[in-house]
């Protein structure tokens, strides 16, 4: 399944498999609140979207990242406090 959209005036077209491939070998940043598991590792959702779309994380909100990753079939989780 592919999803298409626009973020900060930039079009994207992405699949779950592409996300998994682009995150292979990427070191996870510290998780503040929300994360997804990709290739057996936990990543902050904004790190994943920023890496996959070539954006700076400041250019979009966590809500955008949540929506994109959820639509691709990733289970977004919240860290336990």
Protein backbone atom coordinates (compact mmCIF):
# COMPACT_ATOMS: atom_id res chain seq x y z
CA UNK A 1 0.00 0.00 0.00
CA UNK A 2 1.21 3.49 -0.87
CA UNK A 3 0.13 6.79 0.56
CA UNK A 4 0.41 10.18 -1.09
CA UNK A 5 0.17 13.60 0.43
CA UNK A 6 1.71 17.00 0.86
CA UNK A 7 3.68 18.36 3.78
CA UNK A 8 5.10 21.88 3.85
CA UNK A 9 4.21 22.28 0.16
CA UNK A 10 6.18 19.18 -0.75
CA UNK A 11 4.50 16.14 -2.31
CA UNK A 12 5.30 12.67 -1.00
CA UNK A 13 4.54 9.15 -2.14
CA UNK A 14 5.58 6.48 0.33
CA UNK A 15 5.11 2.81 1.20
CA UNK A 16 5.70 0.91 4.44
CA UNK A 17 8.48 -1.08 2.76
CA UNK A 18 10.26 2.12 1.72
CA UNK A 19 10.13 3.39 5.30
CA UNK A 20 11.61 0.12 6.58
CA UNK A 21 14.39 0.27 3.99
CA UNK A 22 15.23 3.95 4.60
CA UNK A 23 15.46 3.38 8.36
CA UNK A 24 17.75 0.35 8.06
CA UNK A 25 21.02 1.13 9.87
CA UNK A 26 19.78 4.48 11.23
CA UNK A 27 20.53 5.07 14.91
CA UNK A 28 17.39 5.94 16.89
CA UNK A 29 17.28 9.33 18.56
CA UNK A 30 15.97 9.64 22.14
CA UNK A 31 12.21 9.11 22.37
CA UNK A 32 10.27 11.87 24.04
CA UNK A 33 6.68 10.71 23.74
CA UNK A 34 5.67 8.70 20.65
CA UNK A 35 7.52 5.99 18.77
CA UNK A 36 7.20 3.24 16.19
CA UNK A 37 9.06 -0.03 15.95
CA UNK A 38 10.85 -0.52 12.64
CA UNK A 39 13.22 -3.39 11.91
CA UNK A 40 13.21 -4.31 15.61
CA UNK A 41 14.21 -0.82 16.81
CA UNK A 42 12.18 1.96 18.43
CA UNK A 43 12.27 5.35 16.70
CA UNK A 44 10.66 8.70 17.51
CA UNK A 45 7.91 9.24 14.96
CA UNK A 46 9.25 12.63 13.83
CA UNK A 47 12.71 11.14 13.18
CA UNK A 48 11.20 8.53 10.88
CA UNK A 49 9.13 10.98 8.85
CA UNK A 50 11.98 13.51 8.66
CA UNK A 51 14.41 10.85 7.40
CA UNK A 52 11.99 9.33 4.90
CA UNK A 53 10.80 12.63 3.44
CA UNK A 54 14.05 14.59 3.66
CA UNK A 55 12.57 17.25 5.95
CA UNK A 56 13.75 18.96 9.09
CA UNK A 57 11.60 17.83 12.05
CA UNK A 58 10.79 21.47 12.83
CA UNK A 59 8.87 21.65 9.53
CA UNK A 60 5.97 19.45 10.71
CA UNK A 61 4.12 18.43 13.84
CA UNK A 62 3.95 15.08 15.59
CA UNK A 63 0.32 14.90 14.46
CA UNK A 64 1.46 14.82 10.80
CA UNK A 65 4.02 12.13 11.61
CA UNK A 66 1.41 10.12 13.52
CA UNK A 67 -1.06 10.33 10.63
CA UNK A 68 1.49 9.33 7.98
CA UNK A 69 2.87 6.36 9.91
CA UNK A 70 -0.57 5.14 10.99
CA UNK A 71 -1.85 5.26 7.42
CA UNK A 72 1.12 3.13 6.38
CA UNK A 73 0.16 0.50 8.97
CA UNK A 74 2.70 1.22 11.69
CA UNK A 75 1.48 1.02 15.27
CA UNK A 76 2.35 4.32 16.96
CA UNK A 77 2.96 3.82 20.68
CA UNK A 78 3.37 6.19 23.61
CA UNK A 79 6.20 5.67 26.08
CA UNK A 80 5.14 4.77 29.58
CA UNK A 81 5.87 7.49 32.13
